[in-house]
Protein backbone atom coordinates (compact mmCIF):
# COMPACT_ATOMS: atom_id res chain seq x y z
CA MET A 1 -47.37 -134.54 122.04
CA SER A 2 -49.05 -136.36 124.98
CA GLU A 3 -47.44 -139.66 123.82
CA GLU A 4 -44.10 -138.16 123.90
CA ILE A 5 -44.62 -136.88 127.38
CA ILE A 6 -45.70 -140.39 128.54
CA LYS A 7 -42.52 -141.79 127.09
CA ASN A 8 -40.27 -139.52 128.83
CA ILE A 9 -41.70 -140.18 132.37
CA ALA A 10 -39.52 -142.33 134.69
CA GLY A 11 -40.64 -145.87 135.22
CA ASN A 12 -41.42 -145.63 138.82
CA ALA A 13 -43.73 -142.47 138.16
CA THR A 14 -47.56 -142.46 138.17
CA PHE A 15 -49.68 -141.51 135.25
CA PRO A 16 -50.01 -137.66 134.87
CA ASN A 17 -53.45 -136.51 136.03
CA SER A 18 -55.43 -133.41 137.00
CA ASP A 19 -53.94 -133.32 140.48
CA GLY A 20 -50.86 -131.68 139.09
CA SER A 21 -53.19 -128.63 138.37
CA ALA A 22 -54.19 -128.51 142.03
CA PHE A 23 -50.95 -127.38 143.72
CA SER A 24 -51.28 -123.94 145.32
CA GLY A 25 -47.95 -122.29 144.76
CA GLY A 26 -45.35 -122.06 142.17
CA ILE A 27 -45.71 -121.28 138.45
CA GLY A 28 -44.94 -123.87 135.88
CA GLY A 29 -41.84 -125.38 137.45
CA VAL A 30 -40.94 -129.01 136.80
CA THR A 31 -38.03 -130.10 139.01
CA ASP A 32 -37.59 -133.51 137.45
CA PRO A 33 -38.85 -134.83 134.16
CA GLY A 34 -40.05 -137.98 136.01
CA PHE A 35 -41.93 -136.03 138.69
CA PRO A 36 -45.37 -137.58 138.59
CA TYR A 37 -47.36 -134.27 138.53
CA LEU A 38 -46.13 -132.47 135.47
CA GLY A 39 -46.27 -128.60 135.45
CA ASN A 40 -45.84 -128.03 139.34
CA THR A 41 -43.00 -128.07 141.72
CA GLU A 42 -42.95 -130.36 144.73
CA GLY A 43 -41.39 -128.07 147.27
CA ASP A 44 -39.66 -124.94 145.55
CA ALA A 45 -42.85 -122.99 145.03
CA ASN A 46 -42.95 -119.50 146.59
CA LEU A 47 -46.32 -118.22 145.52
CA GLY A 48 -49.62 -119.04 147.14
CA LEU A 49 -50.61 -120.34 150.63
CA THR A 50 -51.61 -123.81 151.60
CA THR A 51 -51.92 -123.19 155.36
CA GLY A 52 -53.38 -120.69 157.64
CA PRO A 53 -56.97 -119.44 158.41
CA ASN A 54 -57.52 -118.25 154.78
CA ALA A 55 -56.07 -121.26 152.87
CA VAL A 56 -58.85 -122.95 150.79
CA ASN A 57 -56.65 -125.15 148.53
CA PRO A 58 -57.39 -128.60 146.85
CA SER A 59 -56.80 -131.77 148.82
CA SER A 60 -53.84 -132.83 146.74
CA THR A 61 -51.79 -130.11 148.27
CA ALA A 62 -52.04 -131.77 151.66
CA ASN A 63 -49.30 -133.72 153.36
CA PRO A 64 -49.89 -136.54 153.21
CA ARG A 65 -51.37 -136.14 149.73
CA TYR A 66 -55.11 -136.73 149.26
CA ASP A 67 -55.12 -137.33 145.56
CA GLY A 68 -58.53 -137.34 143.76
CA ALA A 69 -59.47 -134.44 141.26
CA GLY A 70 -58.94 -131.53 143.71
CA ILE A 71 -61.61 -132.66 146.15
CA LEU A 72 -61.22 -130.73 149.36
CA ARG A 73 -60.50 -132.41 152.61
CA PRO A 74 -63.31 -132.39 155.24
CA GLU A 75 -61.91 -129.51 157.19
CA GLN A 76 -61.23 -127.57 154.11
CA ALA A 77 -64.70 -128.21 152.67
CA ARG A 78 -66.30 -126.89 156.03
CA ARG A 79 -64.08 -123.73 155.75
CA PHE A 80 -65.27 -123.20 152.20
CA ILE A 81 -68.98 -123.62 153.22
CA ASP A 82 -68.40 -121.32 156.13
CA TYR A 83 -66.94 -118.59 153.65
CA VAL A 84 -69.98 -118.91 151.50
CA TRP A 85 -72.37 -118.74 154.56
CA ASP A 86 -70.61 -115.60 155.81
CA ALA A 87 -71.42 -113.76 152.42
CA THR A 88 -75.18 -114.39 152.94
CA VAL A 89 -78.00 -112.89 154.76
CA LEU A 90 -80.93 -115.35 154.25
CA ALA A 91 -78.96 -118.51 154.47
CA ASN A 92 -77.55 -117.38 157.91
CA ASP A 93 -81.12 -117.05 159.12
CA GLY A 94 -82.40 -120.46 157.89
CA ARG A 95 -81.68 -124.04 158.39
CA ARG A 96 -78.44 -125.29 156.92
CA VAL A 97 -77.93 -129.01 156.07
CA THR A 98 -74.70 -130.64 155.11
CA MET A 99 -75.41 -133.46 152.56
CA ARG A 100 -73.40 -136.63 151.91
CA ALA A 101 -75.31 -137.28 148.55
CA ASN A 102 -76.88 -135.20 145.78
CA THR A 103 -80.36 -136.09 147.26
CA MET A 104 -81.59 -136.16 150.88
CA GLU A 105 -84.93 -136.87 152.49
CA LEU A 106 -85.89 -135.11 155.59
CA GLU A 107 -88.48 -136.64 157.90
CA LYS A 108 -91.44 -134.40 159.21
CA VAL A 109 -94.65 -135.27 161.14
CA ASN A 110 -97.82 -133.33 161.65
CA VAL A 111 -100.33 -133.91 164.38
CA GLY A 112 -103.09 -131.87 162.96
CA GLU A 113 -105.37 -129.59 164.94
CA ARG A 114 -107.53 -129.93 168.02
CA VAL A 115 -106.46 -133.34 169.28
CA VAL A 116 -107.81 -132.97 172.92
CA ARG A 117 -111.20 -134.57 173.76
CA ALA A 118 -113.31 -134.43 176.95
CA ALA A 119 -112.75 -137.18 179.49
CA ASN A 120 -116.05 -138.44 181.25
CA GLN A 121 -116.04 -140.37 184.42
CA GLY A 122 -116.47 -144.02 183.77
CA ASP A 123 -116.27 -143.69 180.08
CA ALA A 124 -113.68 -145.63 178.19
CA ALA A 125 -114.52 -144.25 174.79
CA PHE A 126 -111.58 -142.56 173.20
CA THR A 127 -110.20 -141.45 169.86
CA ASN A 128 -106.59 -141.83 169.12
CA ALA A 129 -104.99 -138.63 167.67
CA GLY A 130 -103.63 -139.17 164.10
CA ALA A 131 -100.06 -138.35 163.14
CA THR A 132 -99.30 -137.67 159.57
CA PHE A 133 -95.66 -138.58 158.59
CA SER A 134 -94.19 -137.17 155.16
CA LYS A 135 -90.74 -136.39 153.75
CA VAL A 136 -89.15 -133.41 152.31
CA GLU A 137 -86.70 -134.02 149.51
CA LEU A 138 -83.69 -131.84 149.11
CA THR A 139 -81.91 -132.45 145.55
CA THR A 140 -78.73 -130.39 144.69
CA LYS A 141 -77.69 -128.75 141.48
CA LYS A 142 -74.07 -128.78 140.31
CA LEU A 143 -72.78 -125.17 140.15
CA ARG A 144 -69.49 -123.91 138.99
CA LEU A 145 -67.26 -120.65 139.22
CA ASP A 146 -64.38 -119.88 137.06
CA TRP A 147 -61.68 -117.32 137.21
CA GLU A 148 -58.09 -116.71 136.43
CA VAL A 149 -55.21 -114.64 137.60
CA SER A 150 -51.91 -113.61 135.60
CA SER A 151 -48.52 -114.48 136.76
CA GLU A 152 -47.65 -110.89 136.87
CA ALA A 153 -50.46 -110.12 139.26
CA LEU A 154 -49.07 -112.54 141.76
CA GLU A 155 -45.50 -111.35 141.27
CA ASP A 156 -45.88 -107.63 141.25
CA ASN A 157 -48.45 -106.78 143.90
CA ILE A 158 -47.96 -105.71 147.37
CA GLU A 159 -49.44 -108.86 148.87
CA GLY A 160 -47.07 -111.12 146.95
CA GLY A 161 -48.12 -114.91 147.09
CA ALA A 162 -50.90 -113.99 149.73
CA LEU A 163 -52.79 -112.41 146.79
CA GLU A 164 -53.78 -115.80 145.59
CA ASP A 165 -55.49 -116.83 148.77
CA HIS A 166 -57.10 -113.37 149.06
CA LEU A 167 -58.62 -114.00 145.56
CA VAL A 168 -60.05 -117.25 146.56
CA ARG A 169 -61.67 -115.59 149.62
CA LEU A 170 -63.15 -112.81 147.46
CA MET A 171 -64.39 -115.32 144.85
CA THR A 172 -65.96 -117.39 147.50
CA ASN A 173 -67.88 -114.40 148.97
CA ALA A 174 -69.02 -113.60 145.36
CA PHE A 175 -70.11 -117.30 145.08
CA GLY A 176 -72.07 -116.97 148.25
CA ASN A 177 -73.88 -113.83 146.94
CA ASP A 178 -74.69 -115.47 143.72
CA ILE A 179 -76.05 -118.65 145.57
CA GLU A 180 -78.27 -116.46 147.67
CA ASP A 181 -79.67 -114.49 144.56
CA LEU A 182 -80.29 -117.89 142.91
CA ALA A 183 -82.04 -119.41 145.88
CA ILE A 184 -84.41 -116.26 146.24
CA ASN A 185 -84.97 -115.30 142.60
CA GLY A 186 -84.43 -118.52 140.66
CA ASP A 187 -87.40 -119.44 138.38
CA GLY A 188 -86.12 -122.50 136.59
CA SER A 189 -86.53 -120.88 133.09
CA THR A 190 -84.98 -117.47 132.63
CA GLY A 191 -81.49 -117.00 131.32
CA ASN A 192 -78.32 -118.98 132.14
CA PHE A 193 -78.48 -117.99 135.88
CA LEU A 194 -82.07 -117.93 137.05
CA SER A 195 -82.91 -120.97 135.07
CA ILE A 196 -80.68 -123.19 137.21
CA MET A 197 -83.32 -124.03 139.84
CA PRO A 198 -86.68 -122.58 141.17
CA GLY A 199 -86.06 -120.43 144.09
CA PHE A 200 -87.89 -119.90 147.46
CA ILE A 201 -90.15 -117.19 146.08
CA ASN A 202 -91.00 -119.09 142.86
CA LYS A 203 -91.96 -122.17 144.86
CA VAL A 204 -94.24 -119.94 147.07
CA GLN A 205 -95.97 -118.28 144.23
CA ASN A 206 -96.38 -121.27 142.06
CA ASP A 207 -96.73 -124.37 144.25
CA GLY A 208 -100.05 -123.26 145.69
CA ASP A 209 -99.47 -124.38 149.23
CA ALA A 210 -98.69 -120.93 150.80
CA HIS A 211 -101.14 -118.40 151.73
CA GLU A 212 -101.48 -115.13 149.92
CA ALA A 213 -102.66 -112.25 151.96
CA VAL A 214 -105.13 -109.71 150.67
CA ILE A 215 -103.54 -106.22 151.15
CA SER A 216 -104.20 -102.57 150.13
CA ALA A 217 -103.51 -101.37 146.63
CA GLY A 218 -101.33 -98.39 147.61
CA ALA A 219 -97.54 -98.19 147.37
CA ASP A 220 -97.16 -98.10 151.24
CA TRP A 221 -96.74 -101.04 153.45
CA THR A 222 -99.11 -100.10 156.31
CA THR A 223 -99.73 -101.69 159.70
CA ALA A 224 -103.04 -103.13 158.21
CA ASP A 225 -101.03 -104.81 155.36
CA MET A 226 -98.67 -106.38 157.91
CA GLN A 227 -101.59 -107.46 160.06
CA ALA A 228 -103.18 -109.00 156.92
CA LEU A 229 -100.08 -111.16 156.46
CA ILE A 230 -100.32 -112.47 160.03
CA LEU A 231 -104.05 -113.23 159.61
CA ALA A 232 -103.41 -115.10 156.45
CA MET A 233 -101.12 -117.55 158.47
CA PRO A 234 -103.13 -120.72 159.74
CA ARG A 235 -104.07 -120.39 163.40
CA ARG A 236 -101.88 -123.16 164.54
CA TYR A 237 -98.75 -121.27 163.42
CA ARG A 238 -99.91 -117.82 164.71
CA ALA A 239 -100.07 -119.52 168.05
CA LEU A 240 -96.15 -119.66 167.75
CA GLN A 241 -96.06 -115.93 166.77
CA THR A 242 -92.64 -115.46 168.68
CA GLY A 243 -90.99 -117.63 166.21
CA LEU A 244 -92.22 -115.86 163.06
CA LYS A 245 -90.34 -113.29 161.03
CA PHE A 246 -91.29 -110.97 158.09
CA TYR A 247 -88.75 -110.69 155.16
CA ALA A 248 -88.40 -107.82 152.74
CA GLY A 249 -86.12 -106.37 150.09
CA THR A 250 -84.39 -103.24 150.88
CA ASP A 251 -86.67 -100.63 149.29
CA THR A 252 -89.74 -102.49 150.89
CA PHE A 253 -87.85 -102.59 154.24
CA ALA A 254 -87.39 -98.84 154.13
CA ASN A 255 -91.03 -98.29 153.33
CA ILE A 256 -92.12 -100.66 156.28
CA VAL A 257 -89.93 -98.64 158.65
CA LYS A 258 -91.24 -95.33 157.25
CA ASN A 259 -94.80 -96.32 157.75
CA ASN A 260 -94.57 -98.31 160.89
CA GLY A 261 -91.34 -97.18 162.42
CA THR A 262 -91.85 -94.37 164.75
CA VAL A 263 -94.37 -92.60 166.88
CA TRP A 264 -93.23 -89.15 165.92
CA ASP A 265 -96.76 -88.18 164.61
CA ALA A 266 -98.47 -89.41 167.84
CA ILE A 267 -96.46 -87.94 170.69
CA GLY A 268 -93.42 -86.16 169.21
CA SER A 269 -89.65 -86.58 169.39
CA THR A 270 -89.27 -87.41 173.11
CA GLU A 271 -86.20 -89.11 174.40
CA ALA A 272 -88.25 -92.30 175.26
CA ALA A 273 -90.06 -92.43 172.06
CA ARG A 274 -87.15 -91.71 169.66
CA GLY A 275 -86.27 -94.85 167.66
CA SER A 276 -89.11 -96.80 169.12
CA TYR A 277 -91.06 -99.13 166.97
CA LEU A 278 -94.60 -100.75 166.97
CA GLY A 279 -94.35 -103.74 169.15
CA GLY A 280 -92.33 -101.77 171.76
CA ILE A 281 -88.97 -102.82 170.93
CA ASP A 282 -86.20 -100.51 169.32
CA GLN A 283 -84.74 -101.27 165.90
CA THR A 284 -82.06 -104.05 166.16
CA THR A 285 -78.56 -102.86 165.31
CA GLY A 286 -75.58 -104.88 163.93
CA GLY A 287 -75.50 -107.32 161.00
CA ALA A 288 -78.52 -107.36 158.78
CA ARG A 289 -81.00 -104.53 159.42
CA GLN A 290 -83.89 -105.56 161.39
CA THR A 291 -86.99 -103.90 162.92
CA ARG A 292 -90.21 -104.97 164.56
CA VAL A 293 -93.83 -104.63 163.43
CA LEU A 294 -96.59 -105.71 165.66
CA GLY A 295 -94.14 -107.46 167.85
CA ILE A 296 -92.82 -109.68 165.00
CA PRO A 297 -89.25 -109.15 163.64
CA VAL A 298 -88.77 -107.82 160.01
CA LEU A 299 -85.36 -108.61 158.39
CA GLU A 300 -83.95 -106.82 155.34
CA VAL A 301 -82.85 -109.34 152.60
CA PRO A 302 -81.12 -107.32 149.79
CA TYR A 303 -81.85 -109.80 146.98
CA TYR A 304 -85.58 -109.89 147.71
CA PRO A 305 -87.60 -108.38 144.93
CA ALA A 306 -89.34 -104.95 145.42
CA ASP A 307 -92.95 -104.90 146.64
CA TYR A 308 -92.81 -108.51 148.18
CA VAL A 309 -93.02 -109.60 151.80
CA ASP A 310 -93.42 -112.95 153.33
CA LEU A 311 -93.84 -114.36 156.68
CA THR A 312 -92.49 -117.67 158.08
CA PHE A 313 -90.36 -119.35 160.58
CA PRO A 314 -86.55 -119.05 159.72
CA ALA A 315 -85.94 -122.83 160.00
CA ASN A 316 -88.66 -123.45 157.36
CA ARG A 317 -86.10 -122.60 154.78
CA ILE A 318 -83.72 -125.52 154.07
CA TRP A 319 -80.28 -124.95 152.51
CA GLY A 320 -78.28 -127.99 151.47
CA PHE A 321 -74.63 -128.16 150.51
CA GLN A 322 -72.93 -131.43 149.43
CA ARG A 323 -69.77 -131.92 151.38
CA ASP A 324 -67.54 -132.95 148.31
CA ILE A 325 -66.41 -129.47 146.93
CA THR A 326 -63.80 -129.54 144.09
CA VAL A 327 -61.39 -126.64 143.53
CA ASN A 328 -59.12 -127.16 140.53
CA ARG A 329 -56.14 -124.90 139.91
CA PHE A 330 -54.30 -125.15 136.47
CA TYR A 331 -51.34 -123.18 135.15
CA VAL A 332 -51.74 -122.24 131.39
CA PRO A 333 -48.24 -121.70 130.13
CA LYS A 334 -49.32 -120.11 126.76
CA LYS A 335 -51.34 -117.51 128.61
CA ASP A 336 -49.05 -117.26 131.62
CA THR A 337 -52.29 -117.41 133.85
CA ILE A 338 -53.38 -119.56 136.63
CA GLU A 339 -57.09 -120.69 136.10
CA TYR A 340 -59.41 -121.69 138.97
CA THR A 341 -62.65 -123.74 138.57
CA VAL A 342 -64.81 -124.52 141.58
CA PHE A 343 -67.57 -127.05 141.50
CA VAL A 344 -70.20 -127.26 144.38
CA ARG A 345 -73.62 -129.23 144.54
CA PHE A 346 -76.20 -127.14 146.22
CA GLY A 347 -79.93 -127.28 146.77
CA ILE A 348 -82.85 -125.69 148.59
CA ASN A 349 -86.50 -126.43 149.75
CA TRP A 350 -89.35 -125.26 151.98
CA GLU A 351 -89.98 -127.65 154.86
CA GLU A 352 -93.72 -126.66 155.20
CA GLN A 353 -95.32 -124.20 152.70
CA ASP A 354 -98.49 -124.21 154.74
CA ALA A 355 -96.47 -122.17 157.21
CA ILE A 356 -95.95 -119.32 154.89
CA ALA A 357 -97.88 -116.12 154.12
CA PHE A 358 -97.02 -113.73 151.40
CA ALA A 359 -98.16 -110.52 149.70
CA THR A 360 -97.11 -108.56 146.71
CA LYS A 361 -97.83 -104.91 145.93
CA ALA A 362 -98.92 -103.90 142.44
CA ALA A 363 -96.11 -102.14 140.79
CA SER A 364 -96.66 -98.38 141.07
């Protein structure tokens, strides 16, 4: 069959390739047997959007064309990455890096502790302060997302052709949620999903460089427990306390608010006291839920496991996205559906695990 198709192509046509599946619009039309991209129309399509704020379509739909296996143009790739970030909580709070290859090395320097020495009159003796240079390696894993939509759904729904781009946006948001789940809970070994890569928490608990705090055995996260996390952090990081932040899952966050949130029991529900938190600042509103305990913000991260809290600097988490993102679109005549496949390279790492304190409550 493939040989017969090749014979029928006009002499001035290029060889059929996967770019034909990347056109966003039209269902299965061929305007000319010699058209170089079989299975799609060049200009008569009326379904799907290739322009506008919500358009995230393969590069070969551009004008002029950017042929190449559905790799997004730079602006489209940035928009896709923005869509993914919009669907996350922890990634928006961390350090994000756009990578040009599947591996990247980030330089870091550490000057150690207590570098100041006394200066004596007429004494030329000195000791140079040492600086340690090292690198953090960020390596990506290739991820994929597949979905399909029927022709009837595009033809019969109230949104018409706009439904296709609406679905792209919804799938991108779901992709972002799954990436955050993987980045937090991945363990490199369990099932088809969590085995993709070790997540932030797995690295903290198994690499041996972070600091585990000793906390009470009860179910409640008390002020003493939160203080133990702060004290577990090395002194040089505690000196920068204004940049630190606690991270907790939804149930644990609610428990922290319950046990550290108000001063009701101390002075009653006065107008001045209502909604106040330890540390003297009211709960932050808007976006992800946040509060303060002992003057340090606490961020609710829905994908965090129950009974686990860690303390670090937001920029300590590094999230890497490789710029080359492929979105392949293919019409399947026998099923009368349009299939999408998205490929992304994504990676995470800690910059400095010595700047992490964590604690886990025993399951109650």
